[in-house]
Amino acid sequence: MSTPIELDIPHKLGKETVRQRLDGGVGKIGRLIPGGANVTHRWEGDTMVFTVTAMGQEVASRATVFEDKVHAVVDLPGMLALFAGPIKAAIQQQAPKLLE
């Protein structure tokens, strides 16, 4: 069973610019994780569905692009759910960098 983390990342870039930046920046996620990670992604309309695999854990995530924000949902599996608070704080700090 997974524990979802949900957060909104505000922006003033417009949907298309955000989609392009997310598409080009999703690979950065793997470099943010100690030891590295494998990241796969695909688009379903305005939602980028991506999976991060690292240290034997697979984290399924979604990022839906709106005109003024990105709504992200990160499904934390088993043991990672114990660290939901610190993980959410790290995502809130690092996620805006994916839009730069």
PDB file of N, CA and C in Angstrom:
ATOM      1  N   MET A   1       0.844  -1.178   0.000  1.00  0.00           N
ATOM      2  CA  MET A   1       0.000   0.000   0.000  1.00  0.00           C
ATOM      3  C   MET A   1       0.888   1.239   0.000  1.00  0.00           C
ATOM      4  N   SER A   2       0.463   2.270  -0.720  1.00  0.00           N
ATOM      5  CA  SER A   2       1.268   3.484  -0.816  1.00  0.00           C
ATOM      6  C   SER A   2       0.609   4.623  -0.050  1.00  0.00           C
ATOM      7  N   THR A   3       1.451   5.587   0.309  1.00  0.00           N
ATOM      8  CA  THR A   3       0.986   6.797   0.981  1.00  0.00           C
ATOM      9  C   THR A   3       1.225   7.962   0.026  1.00  0.00           C
ATOM     10  N   PRO A   4       0.166   8.644  -0.412  1.00  0.00           N
ATOM     11  CA  PRO A   4       0.367   9.748  -1.364  1.00  0.00           C
ATOM     12  C   PRO A   4       0.741  11.057  -0.668  1.00  0.00           C
ATOM     13  N   ILE A   5       1.651  11.757  -1.294  1.00  0.00           N
ATOM     14  CA  ILE A   5       1.986  13.132  -0.927  1.00  0.00           C
ATOM     15  C   ILE A   5       1.435  13.987  -2.048  1.00  0.00           C
ATOM     16  N   GLU A   6       0.690  15.038  -1.718  1.00  0.00           N
ATOM     17  CA  GLU A   6       0.167  15.950  -2.737  1.00  0.00           C
ATOM     18  C   GLU A   6       0.650  17.360  -2.444  1.00  0.00           C
ATOM     19  N   LEU A   7       1.039  18.065  -3.503  1.00  0.00           N
ATOM     20  CA  LEU A   7       1.459  19.452  -3.336  1.00  0.00           C
ATOM     21  C   LEU A   7       1.278  20.208  -4.636  1.00  0.00           C
ATOM     22  N   ASP A   8       1.163  21.516  -4.517  1.00  0.00           N
ATOM     23  CA  ASP A   8       1.041  22.404  -5.666  1.00  0.00           C
ATOM     24  C   ASP A   8       2.294  23.257  -5.781  1.00  0.00           C
ATOM     25  N   ILE A   9       2.762  23.398  -7.012  1.00  0.00           N
ATOM     26  CA  ILE A   9       3.929  24.217  -7.303  1.00  0.00           C
ATOM     27  C   ILE A   9       3.446  25.370  -8.189  1.00  0.00           C
ATOM     28  N   PRO A  10       3.356  26.580  -7.631  1.00  0.00           N
ATOM     29  CA  PRO A  10       2.859  27.708  -8.440  1.00  0.00           C
ATOM     30  C   PRO A  10       3.872  28.117  -9.509  1.00  0.00           C
ATOM     31  N   HIS A  11       3.352  28.667 -10.598  1.00  0.00           N
ATOM     32  CA  HIS A  11       4.214  29.184 -11.659  1.00  0.00           C
ATOM     33  C   HIS A  11       3.466  30.275 -12.419  1.00  0.00           C
ATOM     34  N   LYS A  12       4.211  31.032 -13.224  1.00  0.00           N
ATOM     35  CA  LYS A  12       3.632  32.070 -14.083  1.00  0.00           C
ATOM     36  C   LYS A  12       4.159  31.905 -15.503  1.00  0.00           C
ATOM     37  N   LEU A  13       4.375  30.658 -15.896  1.00  0.00           N
ATOM     38  CA  LEU A  13       5.026  30.379 -17.170  1.00  0.00           C
ATOM     39  C   LEU A  13       4.082  29.967 -18.285  1.00  0.00           C
ATOM     40  N   GLY A  14       2.854  29.596 -17.987  1.00  0.00           N
ATOM     41  CA  GLY A  14       1.944  29.052 -18.985  1.00  0.00           C
ATOM     42  C   GLY A  14       2.139  27.554 -19.122  1.00  0.00           C
ATOM     43  N   LYS A  15       1.087  26.877 -19.538  1.00  0.00           N
ATOM     44  CA  LYS A  15       1.112  25.415 -19.594  1.00  0.00           C
ATOM     45  C   LYS A  15       2.184  24.860 -20.527  1.00  0.00           C
ATOM     46  N   GLU A  16       2.283  25.387 -21.720  1.00  0.00           N
ATOM     47  CA  GLU A  16       3.211  24.810 -22.690  1.00  0.00           C
ATOM     48  C   GLU A  16       4.664  24.941 -22.241  1.00  0.00           C
ATOM     49  N   THR A  17       5.037  26.084 -21.700  1.00  0.00           N
ATOM     50  CA  THR A  17       6.404  26.268 -21.209  1.00  0.00           C
ATOM     51  C   THR A  17       6.700  25.313 -20.067  1.00  0.00           C
ATOM     52  N   VAL A  18       5.739  25.150 -19.162  1.00  0.00           N
ATOM     53  CA  VAL A  18       5.939  24.230 -18.032  1.00  0.00           C
ATOM     54  C   VAL A  18       6.082  22.797 -18.541  1.00  0.00           C
ATOM     55  N   ARG A  19       5.261  22.402 -19.487  1.00  0.00           N
ATOM     56  CA  ARG A  19       5.371  21.044 -20.053  1.00  0.00           C
ATOM     57  C   ARG A  19       6.764  20.817 -20.631  1.00  0.00           C
ATOM     58  N   GLN A  20       7.271  21.784 -21.372  1.00  0.00           N
ATOM     59  CA  GLN A  20       8.605  21.653 -21.971  1.00  0.00           C
ATOM     60  C   GLN A  20       9.681  21.543 -20.896  1.00  0.00           C
ATOM     61  N   ARG A  21       9.565  22.363 -19.869  1.00  0.00           N
ATOM     62  CA  ARG A  21      10.579  22.342 -18.811  1.00  0.00           C
ATOM     63  C   ARG A  21      10.520  21.063 -17.991  1.00  0.00           C
ATOM     64  N   LEU A  22       9.316  20.584 -17.721  1.00  0.00           N
ATOM     65  CA  LEU A  22       9.195  19.309 -17.013  1.00  0.00           C
ATOM     66  C   LEU A  22       9.763  18.169 -17.853  1.00  0.00           C
ATOM     67  N   ASP A  23       9.440  18.183 -19.135  1.00  0.00           N
ATOM     68  CA  ASP A  23       9.925  17.149 -20.038  1.00  0.00           C
ATOM     69  C   ASP A  23      11.454  17.126 -20.068  1.00  0.00           C
ATOM     70  N   GLY A  24      12.057  18.291 -20.118  1.00  0.00           N
ATOM     71  CA  GLY A  24      13.514  18.377 -20.147  1.00  0.00           C
ATOM     72  C   GLY A  24      14.163  18.214 -18.794  1.00  0.00           C
ATOM     73  N   GLY A  25      13.421  18.477 -17.716  1.00  0.00           N
ATOM     74  CA  GLY A  25      14.011  18.450 -16.377  1.00  0.00           C
ATOM     75  C   GLY A  25      13.768  17.200 -15.568  1.00  0.00           C
ATOM     76  N   VAL A  26      12.888  16.321 -16.033  1.00  0.00           N
ATOM     77  CA  VAL A  26      12.544  15.146 -15.228  1.00  0.00           C
ATOM     78  C   VAL A  26      13.774  14.270 -14.966  1.00  0.00           C
ATOM     79  N   GLY A  27      14.722  14.271 -15.858  1.00  0.00           N
ATOM     80  CA  GLY A  27      15.943  13.495 -15.656  1.00  0.00           C
ATOM     81  C   GLY A  27      16.779  13.990 -14.483  1.00  0.00           C
ATOM     82  N   LYS A  28      16.598  15.255 -14.095  1.00  0.00           N
ATOM     83  CA  LYS A  28      17.333  15.813 -12.962  1.00  0.00           C
ATOM     84  C   LYS A  28      16.969  15.122 -11.647  1.00  0.00           C
ATOM     85  N   ILE A  29      15.771  14.551 -11.596  1.00  0.00           N
ATOM     86  CA  ILE A  29      15.319  13.902 -10.362  1.00  0.00           C
ATOM     87  C   ILE A  29      16.295  12.814  -9.950  1.00  0.00           C
ATOM     88  N   GLY A  30      16.746  12.028 -10.895  1.00  0.00           N
ATOM     89  CA  GLY A  30      17.686  10.950 -10.590  1.00  0.00           C
ATOM     90  C   GLY A  30      18.978  11.441  -9.985  1.00  0.00           C
ATOM     91  N   ARG A  31      19.413  12.632 -10.379  1.00  0.00           N
ATOM     92  CA  ARG A  31      20.656  13.191  -9.836  1.00  0.00           C
ATOM     93  C   ARG A  31      20.473  13.765  -8.431  1.00  0.00           C
ATOM     94  N   LEU A  32      19.223  14.014  -8.023  1.00  0.00           N
ATOM     95  CA  LEU A  32      18.963  14.551  -6.691  1.00  0.00           C
ATOM     96  C   LEU A  32      18.986  13.458  -5.613  1.00  0.00           C
ATOM     97  N   ILE A  33      18.915  12.207  -6.041  1.00  0.00           N
ATOM     98  CA  ILE A  33      18.855  11.091  -5.098  1.00  0.00           C
ATOM     99  C   ILE A  33      20.249  10.526  -4.910  1.00  0.00           C
ATOM    100  N   PRO A  34      20.710  10.429  -3.647  1.00  0.00           N
ATOM    101  CA  PRO A  34      22.038   9.858  -3.400  1.00  0.00           C
ATOM    102  C   PRO A  34      22.145   8.463  -4.020  1.00  0.00           C
ATOM    103  N   GLY A  35      23.210   8.235  -4.762  1.00  0.00           N
ATOM    104  CA  GLY A  35      23.388   6.955  -5.423  1.00  0.00           C
ATOM    105  C   GLY A  35      22.730   6.895  -6.792  1.00  0.00           C
ATOM    106  N   GLY A  36      21.964   7.938  -7.135  1.00  0.00           N
ATOM    107  CA  GLY A  36      21.314   8.001  -8.441  1.00  0.00           C
ATOM    108  C   GLY A  36      20.019   7.211  -8.492  1.00  0.00           C
ATOM    109  N   ALA A  37      19.306   7.382  -9.582  1.00  0.00           N
ATOM    110  CA  ALA A  37      18.022   6.709  -9.766  1.00  0.00           C
ATOM    111  C   ALA A  37      17.706   6.620 -11.248  1.00  0.00           C
ATOM    112  N   ASN A  38      16.821   5.702 -11.574  1.00  0.00           N
ATOM    113  CA  ASN A  38      16.308   5.581 -12.928  1.00  0.00           C
ATOM    114  C   ASN A  38      14.939   6.261 -12.976  1.00  0.00           C
ATOM    115  N   VAL A  39      14.740   7.133 -13.959  1.00  0.00           N
ATOM    116  CA  VAL A  39      13.475   7.861 -14.073  1.00  0.00           C
ATOM    117  C   VAL A  39      12.888   7.601 -15.458  1.00  0.00           C
ATOM    118  N   THR A  40      11.629   7.159 -15.482  1.00  0.00           N
ATOM    119  CA  THR A  40      10.911   7.000 -16.741  1.00  0.00           C
ATOM    120  C   THR A  40       9.677   7.895 -16.691  1.00  0.00           C
ATOM    121  N   HIS A  41       9.248   8.388 -17.857  1.00  0.00           N
ATOM    122  CA  HIS A  41       8.050   9.243 -17.868  1.00  0.00           C
ATOM    123  C   HIS A  41       7.323   9.170 -19.197  1.00  0.00           C
ATOM    124  N   ARG A  42       6.052   9.549 -19.140  1.00  0.00           N
ATOM    125  CA  ARG A  42       5.218   9.660 -20.329  1.00  0.00           C
ATOM    126  C   ARG A  42       4.144  10.709 -20.041  1.00  0.00           C
ATOM    127  N   TRP A  43       3.555  11.246 -21.095  1.00  0.00           N
ATOM    128  CA  TRP A  43       2.496  12.239 -20.947  1.00  0.00           C
ATOM    129  C   TRP A  43       1.147  11.605 -21.241  1.00  0.00           C
ATOM    130  N   GLU A  44       0.174  11.915 -20.418  1.00  0.00           N
ATOM    131  CA  GLU A  44      -1.227  11.561 -20.641  1.00  0.00           C
ATOM    132  C   GLU A  44      -1.997  12.880 -20.582  1.00  0.00           C
ATOM    133  N   GLY A  45      -2.177  13.502 -21.737  1.00  0.00           N
ATOM    134  CA  GLY A  45      -2.780  14.829 -21.780  1.00  0.00           C
ATOM    135  C   GLY A  45      -1.870  15.835 -21.103  1.00  0.00           C
ATOM    136  N   ASP A  46      -2.378  16.550 -20.109  1.00  0.00           N
ATOM    137  CA  ASP A  46      -1.581  17.531 -19.372  1.00  0.00           C
ATOM    138  C   ASP A  46      -0.938  16.940 -18.121  1.00  0.00           C
ATOM    139  N   THR A  47      -0.965  15.620 -17.993  1.00  0.00           N
ATOM    140  CA  THR A  47      -0.376  14.968 -16.822  1.00  0.00           C
ATOM    141  C   THR A  47       0.852  14.170 -17.224  1.00  0.00           C
ATOM    142  N   MET A  48       1.978  14.480 -16.582  1.00  0.00           N
ATOM    143  CA  MET A  48       3.182  13.688 -16.766  1.00  0.00           C
ATOM    144  C   MET A  48       3.164  12.588 -15.705  1.00  0.00           C
ATOM    145  N   VAL A  49       3.188  11.356 -16.162  1.00  0.00           N
ATOM    146  CA  VAL A  49       3.225  10.203 -15.271  1.00  0.00           C
ATOM    147  C   VAL A  49       4.668   9.720 -15.272  1.00  0.00           C
ATOM    148  N   PHE A  50       5.271   9.647 -14.081  1.00  0.00           N
ATOM    149  CA  PHE A  50       6.665   9.228 -14.039  1.00  0.00           C
ATOM    150  C   PHE A  50       6.938   8.325 -12.843  1.00  0.00           C
ATOM    151  N   THR A  51       7.966   7.507 -13.010  1.00  0.00           N
ATOM    152  CA  THR A  51       8.367   6.556 -11.973  1.00  0.00           C
ATOM    153  C   THR A  51       9.846   6.758 -11.692  1.00  0.00           C
ATOM    154  N   VAL A  52      10.167   6.816 -10.410  1.00  0.00           N
ATOM    155  CA  VAL A  52      11.553   6.931  -9.972  1.00  0.00           C
ATOM    156  C   VAL A  52      11.904   5.619  -9.260  1.00  0.00           C
ATOM    157  N   THR A  53      12.947   4.957  -9.736  1.00  0.00           N
ATOM    158  CA  THR A  53      13.385   3.709  -9.128  1.00  0.00           C
ATOM    159  C   THR A  53      14.790   3.909  -8.569  1.00  0.00           C
ATOM    160  N   ALA A  54      14.930   3.690  -7.254  1.00  0.00           N
ATOM    161  CA  ALA A  54      16.227   3.864  -6.592  1.00  0.00           C
ATOM    162  C   ALA A  54      16.269   3.009  -5.332  1.00  0.00           C
ATOM    163  N   MET A  55      17.417   2.457  -5.052  1.00  0.00           N
ATOM    164  CA  MET A  55      17.650   1.703  -3.819  1.00  0.00           C
ATOM    165  C   MET A  55      16.567   0.641  -3.581  1.00  0.00           C
ATOM    166  N   GLY A  56      16.147  -0.028  -4.643  1.00  0.00           N
ATOM    167  CA  GLY A  56      15.164  -1.085  -4.531  1.00  0.00           C
ATOM    168  C   GLY A  56      13.730  -0.611  -4.329  1.00  0.00           C
ATOM    169  N   GLN A  57      13.496   0.672  -4.405  1.00  0.00           N
ATOM    170  CA  GLN A  57      12.157   1.228  -4.225  1.00  0.00           C
ATOM    171  C   GLN A  57      11.680   1.848  -5.531  1.00  0.00           C
ATOM    172  N   GLU A  58      10.389   1.729  -5.796  1.00  0.00           N
ATOM    173  CA  GLU A  58       9.794   2.346  -6.977  1.00  0.00           C
ATOM    174  C   GLU A  58       8.722   3.324  -6.518  1.00  0.00           C
ATOM    175  N   VAL A  59       8.866   4.574  -6.940  1.00  0.00           N
ATOM    176  CA  VAL A  59       7.940   5.626  -6.543  1.00  0.00           C
ATOM    177  C   VAL A  59       7.199   6.113  -7.787  1.00  0.00           C
ATOM    178  N   ALA A  60       5.893   5.843  -7.825  1.00  0.00           N
ATOM    179  CA  ALA A  60       5.050   6.290  -8.935  1.00  0.00           C
ATOM    180  C   ALA A  60       4.549   7.695  -8.623  1.00  0.00           C
ATOM    181  N   SER A  61       4.572   8.569  -9.625  1.00  0.00           N
ATOM    182  CA  SER A  61       4.199   9.971  -9.417  1.00  0.00           C
ATOM    183  C   SER A  61       3.449  10.515 -10.621  1.00  0.00           C
ATOM    184  N   ARG A  62       2.712  11.609 -10.379  1.00  0.00           N
ATOM    185  CA  ARG A  62       1.987  12.304 -11.436  1.00  0.00           C
ATOM    186  C   ARG A  62       2.141  13.804 -11.210  1.00  0.00           C
ATOM    187  N   ALA A  63       2.270  14.535 -12.290  1.00  0.00           N
ATOM    188  CA  ALA A  63       2.329  15.997 -12.220  1.00  0.00           C
ATOM    189  C   ALA A  63       1.392  16.549 -13.284  1.00  0.00           C
ATOM    190  N   THR A  64       0.310  17.182 -12.840  1.00  0.00           N
ATOM    191  CA  THR A  64      -0.675  17.741 -13.759  1.00  0.00           C
ATOM    192  C   THR A  64      -0.430  19.236 -13.904  1.00  0.00           C
ATOM    193  N   VAL A  65      -0.296  19.681 -15.144  1.00  0.00           N
ATOM    194  CA  VAL A  65       0.042  21.070 -15.441  1.00  0.00           C
ATOM    195  C   VAL A  65      -1.237  21.886 -15.632  1.00  0.00           C
ATOM    196  N   PHE A  66      -1.345  22.967 -14.875  1.00  0.00           N
ATOM    197  CA  PHE A  66      -2.415  23.946 -15.008  1.00  0.00           C
ATOM    198  C   PHE A  66      -1.781  25.271 -15.423  1.00  0.00           C
ATOM    199  N   GLU A  67      -2.583  26.254 -15.788  1.00  0.00           N
ATOM    200  CA  GLU A  67      -2.054  27.553 -16.220  1.00  0.00           C
ATOM    201  C   GLU A  67      -1.232  28.247 -15.137  1.00  0.00           C
ATOM    202  N   ASP A  68      -1.553  28.020 -13.862  1.00  0.00           N
ATOM    203  CA  ASP A  68      -0.897  28.749 -12.775  1.00  0.00           C
ATOM    204  C   ASP A  68      -0.187  27.877 -11.742  1.00  0.00           C
ATOM    205  N   LYS A  69      -0.251  26.556 -11.931  1.00  0.00           N
ATOM    206  CA  LYS A  69       0.390  25.655 -10.964  1.00  0.00           C
ATOM    207  C   LYS A  69       0.595  24.283 -11.582  1.00  0.00           C
ATOM    208  N   VAL A  70       1.421  23.506 -10.911  1.00  0.00           N
ATOM    209  CA  VAL A  70       1.565  22.087 -11.204  1.00  0.00           C
ATOM    210  C   VAL A  70       1.110  21.360  -9.949  1.00  0.00           C
ATOM    211  N   HIS A  71       0.151  20.448 -10.108  1.00  0.00           N
ATOM    212  CA  HIS A  71      -0.313  19.651  -8.973  1.00  0.00           C
ATOM    213  C   HIS A  71       0.395  18.300  -9.053  1.00  0.00           C
ATOM    214  N   ALA A  72       1.188  17.999  -8.038  1.00  0.00           N
ATOM    215  CA  ALA A  72       1.970  16.768  -8.026  1.00  0.00           C
ATOM    216  C   ALA A  72       1.432  15.805  -6.972  1.00  0.00           C
ATOM    217  N   VAL A  73       1.425  14.531  -7.330  1.00  0.00           N
ATOM    218  CA  VAL A  73       1.063  13.457  -6.420  1.00  0.00           C
ATOM    219  C   VAL A  73       2.177  12.429  -6.482  1.00  0.00           C
ATOM    220  N   VAL A  74       2.769  12.142  -5.325  1.00  0.00           N
ATOM    221  CA  VAL A  74       3.867  11.185  -5.222  1.00  0.00           C
ATOM    222  C   VAL A  74       3.392  10.064  -4.313  1.00  0.00           C
ATOM    223  N   ASP A  75       3.330   8.853  -4.844  1.00  0.00           N
ATOM    224  CA  ASP A  75       2.877   7.692  -4.071  1.00  0.00           C
ATOM    225  C   ASP A  75       4.083   7.001  -3.449  1.00  0.00           C
ATOM    226  N   LEU A  76       4.228   7.168  -2.128  1.00  0.00           N
ATOM    227  CA  LEU A  76       5.366   6.577  -1.425  1.00  0.00           C
ATOM    228  C   LEU A  76       5.044   5.139  -1.018  1.00  0.00           C
ATOM    229  N   PRO A  77       5.885   4.191  -1.412  1.00  0.00           N
ATOM    230  CA  PRO A  77       5.654   2.805  -1.025  1.00  0.00           C
ATOM    231  C   PRO A  77       6.122   2.539   0.409  1.00  0.00           C
ATOM    232  N   GLY A  78       5.542   1.506   1.018  1.00  0.00           N
ATOM    233  CA  GLY A  78       5.919   0.959   2.313  1.00  0.00           C
ATOM    234  C   GLY A  78       6.803   1.788   3.212  1.00  0.00           C
ATOM    235  N   MET A  79       8.072   1.420   3.267  1.00  0.00           N
ATOM    236  CA  MET A  79       9.014   2.022   4.210  1.00  0.00           C
ATOM    237  C   MET A  79       9.225   3.518   3.963  1.00  0.00           C
ATOM    238  N   LEU A  80       9.162   3.959   2.726  1.00  0.00           N
ATOM    239  CA  LEU A  80       9.354   5.384   2.451  1.00  0.00           C
ATOM    240  C   LEU A  80       8.231   6.229   3.037  1.00  0.00           C
ATOM    241  N   ALA A  81       7.063   5.626   3.230  1.00  0.00           N
ATOM    242  CA  ALA A  81       5.932   6.363   3.806  1.00  0.00           C
ATOM    243  C   ALA A  81       6.249   6.846   5.220  1.00  0.00           C
ATOM    244  N   LEU A  82       7.157   6.160   5.905  1.00  0.00           N
ATOM    245  CA  LEU A  82       7.564   6.583   7.251  1.00  0.00           C
ATOM    246  C   LEU A  82       8.253   7.944   7.228  1.00  0.00           C
ATOM    247  N   PHE A  83       8.786   8.323   6.076  1.00  0.00           N
ATOM    248  CA  PHE A  83       9.523   9.571   5.936  1.00  0.00           C
ATOM    249  C   PHE A  83       8.756  10.592   5.095  1.00  0.00           C
ATOM    250  N   ALA A  84       7.431  10.477   5.078  1.00  0.00           N
ATOM    251  CA  ALA A  84       6.602  11.333   4.229  1.00  0.00           C
ATOM    252  C   ALA A  84       6.832  12.819   4.486  1.00  0.00           C
ATOM    253  N   GLY A  85       6.937  13.230   5.740  1.00  0.00           N
ATOM    254  CA  GLY A  85       7.137  14.641   6.072  1.00  0.00           C
ATOM    255  C   GLY A  85       8.420  15.211   5.483  1.00  0.00           C
ATOM    256  N   PRO A  86       9.571  14.596   5.781  1.00  0.00           N
ATOM    257  CA  PRO A  86      10.820  15.109   5.211  1.00  0.00           C
ATOM    258  C   PRO A  86      10.880  15.000   3.684  1.00  0.00           C
ATOM    259  N   ILE A  87      10.273  13.957   3.131  1.00  0.00           N
ATOM    260  CA  ILE A  87      10.275  13.808   1.680  1.00  0.00           C
ATOM    261  C   ILE A  87       9.447  14.916   1.043  1.00  0.00           C
ATOM    262  N   LYS A  88       8.278  15.217   1.619  1.00  0.00           N
ATOM    263  CA  LYS A  88       7.444  16.297   1.084  1.00  0.00           C
ATOM    264  C   LYS A  88       8.179  17.627   1.160  1.00  0.00           C
ATOM    265  N   ALA A  89       8.859  17.886   2.276  1.00  0.00           N
ATOM    266  CA  ALA A  89       9.613  19.137   2.426  1.00  0.00           C
ATOM    267  C   ALA A  89      10.714  19.238   1.366  1.00  0.00           C
ATOM    268  N   ALA A  90      11.397  18.127   1.102  1.00  0.00           N
ATOM    269  CA  ALA A  90      12.463  18.132   0.093  1.00  0.00           C
ATOM    270  C   ALA A  90      11.885  18.371  -1.300  1.00  0.00           C
ATOM    271  N   ILE A  91      10.743  17.758  -1.587  1.00  0.00           N
ATOM    272  CA  ILE A  91      10.106  17.953  -2.893  1.00  0.00           C
ATOM    273  C   ILE A  91       9.677  19.408  -3.056  1.00  0.00           C
ATOM    274  N   GLN A  92       9.090  19.997  -2.013  1.00  0.00           N
ATOM    275  CA  GLN A  92       8.661  21.393  -2.101  1.00  0.00           C
ATOM    276  C   GLN A  92       9.834  22.318  -2.352  1.00  0.00           C
ATOM    277  N   GLN A  93      10.985  21.986  -1.802  1.00  0.00           N
ATOM    278  CA  GLN A  93      12.171  22.817  -1.994  1.00  0.00           C
ATOM    279  C   GLN A  93      12.779  22.621  -3.382  1.00  0.00           C
ATOM    280  N   GLN A  94      12.838  21.374  -3.865  1.00  0.00           N
ATOM    281  CA  GLN A  94      13.533  21.073  -5.109  1.00  0.00           C
ATOM    282  C   GLN A  94      12.665  21.169  -6.365  1.00  0.00           C
ATOM    283  N   ALA A  95      11.367  20.911  -6.240  1.00  0.00           N
ATOM    284  CA  ALA A  95      10.490  20.867  -7.427  1.00  0.00           C
ATOM    285  C   ALA A  95      10.495  22.144  -8.252  1.00  0.00           C
ATOM    286  N   PRO A  96      10.467  23.332  -7.640  1.00  0.00           N
ATOM    287  CA  PRO A  96      10.480  24.547  -8.471  1.00  0.00           C
ATOM    288  C   PRO A  96      11.713  24.629  -9.379  1.00  0.00           C
ATOM    289  N   LYS A  97      12.798  23.993  -9.009  1.00  0.00           N
ATOM    290  CA  LYS A  97      14.011  24.017  -9.831  1.00  0.00           C
ATOM    291  C   LYS A  97      13.811  23.293 -11.165  1.00  0.00           C
ATOM    292  N   LEU A  98      12.858  22.345 -11.194  1.00  0.00           N
ATOM    293  CA  LEU A  98      12.574  21.635 -12.443  1.00  0.00           C
ATOM    294  C   LEU A  98      11.916  22.551 -13.470  1.00  0.00           C
ATOM    295  N   LEU A  99      11.367  23.668 -13.005  1.00  0.00           N
ATOM    296  CA  LEU A  99      10.702  24.604 -13.911  1.00  0.00           C
ATOM    297  C   LEU A  99      11.644  25.704 -14.401  1.00  0.00           C
ATOM    298  N   GLU A 100      12.848  25.727 -13.886  1.00  0.00           N
ATOM    299  CA  GLU A 100      13.807  26.776 -14.278  1.00  0.00           C
ATOM    300  C   GLU A 100      14.423  26.489 -15.624  1.00  0.00           C
TER     301      GLU A 100
END
